[in-house]
N, C-alpha and C. Protein backbone atom coordinates (compact mmCIF):
# COMPACT_ATOMS: atom_id res chain seq x y z
N MET A 1 6.32 2.69 41.50
CA MET A 1 5.00 2.52 42.02
C MET A 1 5.10 1.73 43.33
N VAL A 2 4.32 2.17 44.30
CA VAL A 2 4.33 1.53 45.62
C VAL A 2 2.89 1.44 46.13
N PHE A 3 2.70 0.52 47.05
CA PHE A 3 1.41 0.41 47.72
C PHE A 3 1.30 1.48 48.79
N PHE A 4 0.11 2.04 48.94
CA PHE A 4 -0.11 2.99 50.02
C PHE A 4 0.06 2.25 51.35
N PRO A 5 0.49 2.94 52.41
CA PRO A 5 0.76 2.27 53.69
C PRO A 5 -0.48 1.66 54.34
N TRP A 6 -1.66 2.10 53.97
CA TRP A 6 -2.89 1.55 54.59
C TRP A 6 -3.42 0.33 53.84
N ILE A 7 -2.64 -0.18 52.89
CA ILE A 7 -3.02 -1.38 52.16
C ILE A 7 -2.29 -2.57 52.77
N SER A 8 -3.07 -3.57 53.20
CA SER A 8 -2.49 -4.82 53.69
C SER A 8 -2.57 -5.86 52.58
N ILE A 9 -1.57 -6.71 52.52
CA ILE A 9 -1.49 -7.72 51.46
C ILE A 9 -1.32 -9.09 52.13
N ALA A 10 -2.19 -10.02 51.77
CA ALA A 10 -2.11 -11.37 52.33
C ALA A 10 -2.20 -12.39 51.20
N SER A 11 -1.30 -13.35 51.22
CA SER A 11 -1.34 -14.44 50.24
C SER A 11 -2.37 -15.47 50.67
N THR A 12 -3.05 -16.04 49.68
CA THR A 12 -3.99 -17.12 49.92
C THR A 12 -3.67 -18.25 48.95
N GLU A 13 -4.36 -19.35 49.07
CA GLU A 13 -4.11 -20.45 48.14
C GLU A 13 -4.62 -20.12 46.74
N TYR A 14 -5.42 -19.07 46.61
CA TYR A 14 -6.00 -18.69 45.33
C TYR A 14 -5.33 -17.47 44.70
N GLY A 15 -4.45 -16.82 45.40
CA GLY A 15 -3.79 -15.62 44.90
C GLY A 15 -3.41 -14.70 46.04
N VAL A 16 -3.88 -13.46 45.97
CA VAL A 16 -3.56 -12.46 46.98
C VAL A 16 -4.81 -11.65 47.30
N VAL A 17 -4.94 -11.27 48.56
CA VAL A 17 -6.02 -10.38 48.98
C VAL A 17 -5.38 -9.06 49.40
N LEU A 18 -5.94 -7.97 48.88
CA LEU A 18 -5.49 -6.62 49.22
C LEU A 18 -6.59 -5.97 50.05
N LEU A 19 -6.25 -5.45 51.22
CA LEU A 19 -7.22 -4.81 52.10
C LEU A 19 -6.89 -3.34 52.25
N ASP A 20 -7.86 -2.51 51.94
CA ASP A 20 -7.75 -1.07 52.16
C ASP A 20 -8.29 -0.82 53.57
N LYS A 21 -7.38 -0.62 54.52
CA LYS A 21 -7.79 -0.46 55.92
C LYS A 21 -8.52 0.85 56.17
N LYS A 22 -8.35 1.84 55.31
CA LYS A 22 -9.07 3.10 55.46
C LYS A 22 -10.54 2.96 55.07
N LYS A 23 -10.78 2.27 53.97
CA LYS A 23 -12.13 2.14 53.44
C LYS A 23 -12.84 0.87 53.88
N GLY A 24 -12.08 -0.10 54.40
CA GLY A 24 -12.67 -1.37 54.78
C GLY A 24 -13.09 -2.20 53.58
N VAL A 25 -12.39 -2.03 52.47
CA VAL A 25 -12.70 -2.74 51.23
C VAL A 25 -11.53 -3.65 50.88
N TYR A 26 -11.84 -4.83 50.33
CA TYR A 26 -10.76 -5.71 49.92
C TYR A 26 -10.97 -6.19 48.48
N TRP A 27 -9.86 -6.58 47.87
CA TRP A 27 -9.85 -7.11 46.52
C TRP A 27 -9.08 -8.40 46.55
N GLN A 28 -9.53 -9.37 45.78
CA GLN A 28 -8.80 -10.62 45.64
C GLN A 28 -8.32 -10.72 44.20
N VAL A 29 -7.05 -11.05 44.03
CA VAL A 29 -6.51 -11.25 42.69
C VAL A 29 -6.02 -12.68 42.57
N ASN A 30 -6.08 -13.21 41.36
CA ASN A 30 -5.70 -14.59 41.10
C ASN A 30 -4.18 -14.76 41.09
N GLY A 31 -3.72 -15.92 40.65
CA GLY A 31 -2.29 -16.21 40.63
C GLY A 31 -1.49 -15.27 39.76
N THR A 32 -2.04 -14.89 38.62
CA THR A 32 -1.37 -13.92 37.76
C THR A 32 -1.25 -12.59 38.48
N GLY A 33 -2.35 -12.15 39.07
CA GLY A 33 -2.35 -10.90 39.83
C GLY A 33 -1.38 -10.95 41.00
N ALA A 34 -1.27 -12.12 41.62
CA ALA A 34 -0.36 -12.28 42.75
C ALA A 34 1.09 -12.04 42.32
N LEU A 35 1.45 -12.54 41.14
CA LEU A 35 2.81 -12.31 40.64
C LEU A 35 3.04 -10.83 40.34
N ILE A 36 2.01 -10.17 39.83
CA ILE A 36 2.13 -8.74 39.56
C ILE A 36 2.26 -7.96 40.86
N VAL A 37 1.44 -8.30 41.85
CA VAL A 37 1.53 -7.64 43.17
C VAL A 37 2.92 -7.86 43.77
N ASP A 38 3.44 -9.07 43.66
CA ASP A 38 4.77 -9.36 44.18
C ASP A 38 5.83 -8.52 43.47
N GLY A 39 5.69 -8.37 42.17
CA GLY A 39 6.62 -7.54 41.42
C GLY A 39 6.57 -6.09 41.85
N ILE A 40 5.36 -5.59 42.10
CA ILE A 40 5.22 -4.21 42.58
C ILE A 40 5.88 -4.08 43.94
N LYS A 41 5.65 -5.06 44.83
CA LYS A 41 6.27 -5.02 46.16
C LYS A 41 7.79 -5.00 46.06
N LYS A 42 8.33 -5.67 45.05
CA LYS A 42 9.79 -5.72 44.86
C LYS A 42 10.31 -4.54 44.05
N ASN A 43 9.41 -3.59 43.74
CA ASN A 43 9.78 -2.39 42.99
C ASN A 43 10.33 -2.71 41.59
N MET A 44 9.78 -3.76 40.97
CA MET A 44 10.19 -4.16 39.64
C MET A 44 9.49 -3.27 38.60
N ALA A 45 10.13 -3.05 37.47
CA ALA A 45 9.53 -2.33 36.35
C ALA A 45 8.48 -3.21 35.69
N SER A 46 7.55 -2.60 34.98
CA SER A 46 6.48 -3.37 34.33
C SER A 46 7.03 -4.40 33.36
N ASP A 47 8.10 -4.09 32.65
CA ASP A 47 8.71 -5.05 31.72
C ASP A 47 9.25 -6.26 32.48
N GLU A 48 9.85 -6.01 33.63
CA GLU A 48 10.39 -7.12 34.43
C GLU A 48 9.26 -8.02 34.94
N ILE A 49 8.18 -7.40 35.38
CA ILE A 49 7.03 -8.18 35.86
C ILE A 49 6.45 -8.99 34.72
N ALA A 50 6.35 -8.38 33.54
CA ALA A 50 5.83 -9.09 32.37
C ALA A 50 6.70 -10.30 32.05
N ASN A 51 8.00 -10.17 32.18
CA ASN A 51 8.90 -11.30 31.93
C ASN A 51 8.67 -12.43 32.93
N VAL A 52 8.34 -12.09 34.17
CA VAL A 52 8.01 -13.11 35.17
C VAL A 52 6.77 -13.88 34.71
N LEU A 53 5.77 -13.15 34.21
CA LEU A 53 4.54 -13.80 33.73
C LEU A 53 4.83 -14.70 32.52
N VAL A 54 5.69 -14.24 31.63
CA VAL A 54 6.05 -15.04 30.46
C VAL A 54 6.65 -16.37 30.90
N GLU A 55 7.55 -16.32 31.86
CA GLU A 55 8.18 -17.54 32.35
C GLU A 55 7.21 -18.44 33.10
N ALA A 56 6.33 -17.84 33.88
CA ALA A 56 5.42 -18.63 34.72
C ALA A 56 4.28 -19.26 33.92
N PHE A 57 3.79 -18.57 32.90
CA PHE A 57 2.58 -19.02 32.23
C PHE A 57 2.75 -19.29 30.74
N ASP A 58 3.96 -19.18 30.21
CA ASP A 58 4.22 -19.45 28.81
C ASP A 58 3.28 -18.66 27.89
N VAL A 59 3.19 -17.36 28.15
CA VAL A 59 2.43 -16.45 27.31
C VAL A 59 3.41 -15.52 26.61
N ASP A 60 2.96 -14.86 25.54
CA ASP A 60 3.87 -13.96 24.86
C ASP A 60 4.02 -12.66 25.67
N PHE A 61 5.13 -11.98 25.44
CA PHE A 61 5.46 -10.79 26.22
C PHE A 61 4.40 -9.71 26.07
N GLN A 62 3.91 -9.49 24.88
CA GLN A 62 2.92 -8.43 24.64
C GLN A 62 1.68 -8.65 25.53
N ARG A 63 1.17 -9.87 25.55
CA ARG A 63 -0.01 -10.18 26.36
C ARG A 63 0.31 -9.99 27.85
N ALA A 64 1.46 -10.48 28.28
CA ALA A 64 1.85 -10.36 29.69
C ALA A 64 1.96 -8.88 30.08
N HIS A 65 2.56 -8.08 29.23
CA HIS A 65 2.73 -6.66 29.55
C HIS A 65 1.38 -5.96 29.62
N GLU A 66 0.46 -6.31 28.71
CA GLU A 66 -0.89 -5.74 28.76
C GLU A 66 -1.59 -6.09 30.07
N ASP A 67 -1.42 -7.33 30.52
CA ASP A 67 -2.02 -7.75 31.79
C ASP A 67 -1.45 -6.96 32.96
N VAL A 68 -0.14 -6.76 32.95
CA VAL A 68 0.51 -5.98 34.02
C VAL A 68 -0.04 -4.56 34.02
N MET A 69 -0.07 -3.94 32.87
CA MET A 69 -0.51 -2.55 32.78
C MET A 69 -1.99 -2.41 33.17
N TYR A 70 -2.80 -3.38 32.80
CA TYR A 70 -4.21 -3.34 33.16
C TYR A 70 -4.39 -3.39 34.67
N LEU A 71 -3.73 -4.35 35.33
CA LEU A 71 -3.89 -4.47 36.78
C LEU A 71 -3.32 -3.25 37.49
N VAL A 72 -2.18 -2.77 37.06
CA VAL A 72 -1.59 -1.57 37.67
C VAL A 72 -2.55 -0.39 37.54
N SER A 73 -3.16 -0.25 36.38
CA SER A 73 -4.12 0.82 36.16
C SER A 73 -5.33 0.69 37.10
N GLU A 74 -5.82 -0.52 37.27
CA GLU A 74 -6.95 -0.75 38.18
C GLU A 74 -6.55 -0.45 39.63
N LEU A 75 -5.38 -0.90 40.03
CA LEU A 75 -4.92 -0.65 41.40
C LEU A 75 -4.78 0.85 41.67
N ALA A 76 -4.27 1.57 40.67
CA ALA A 76 -4.12 3.03 40.82
C ALA A 76 -5.49 3.70 40.90
N GLU A 77 -6.42 3.25 40.07
CA GLU A 77 -7.76 3.84 40.05
C GLU A 77 -8.46 3.67 41.39
N PHE A 78 -8.25 2.55 42.05
CA PHE A 78 -8.89 2.29 43.34
C PHE A 78 -8.08 2.81 44.51
N GLY A 79 -6.96 3.51 44.26
CA GLY A 79 -6.17 4.10 45.32
C GLY A 79 -5.37 3.11 46.13
N ILE A 80 -4.93 2.04 45.47
CA ILE A 80 -4.15 1.01 46.15
C ILE A 80 -2.65 1.24 45.96
N VAL A 81 -2.28 1.74 44.79
CA VAL A 81 -0.88 2.06 44.50
C VAL A 81 -0.77 3.51 44.05
N LYS A 82 0.43 4.03 44.20
CA LYS A 82 0.69 5.39 43.68
C LYS A 82 1.95 5.36 42.87
């Protein structure tokens, strides 16, 4: 999975902002979302990203993986990743 080339990504103190330059729409994701976005940028598998969340937030793997899959699904639905 990769970000479409017209998506800009900027880190903020609250997480990450994703800008769709074609549509002029942006999304802000929190710290958890920022780690997921970073994992996608690094071409990590969903399991690997979930393990990053487990280490960062002391949550169980199942919950972390569900969070990864949910955000990935939302990003795909809005045409941010393919």
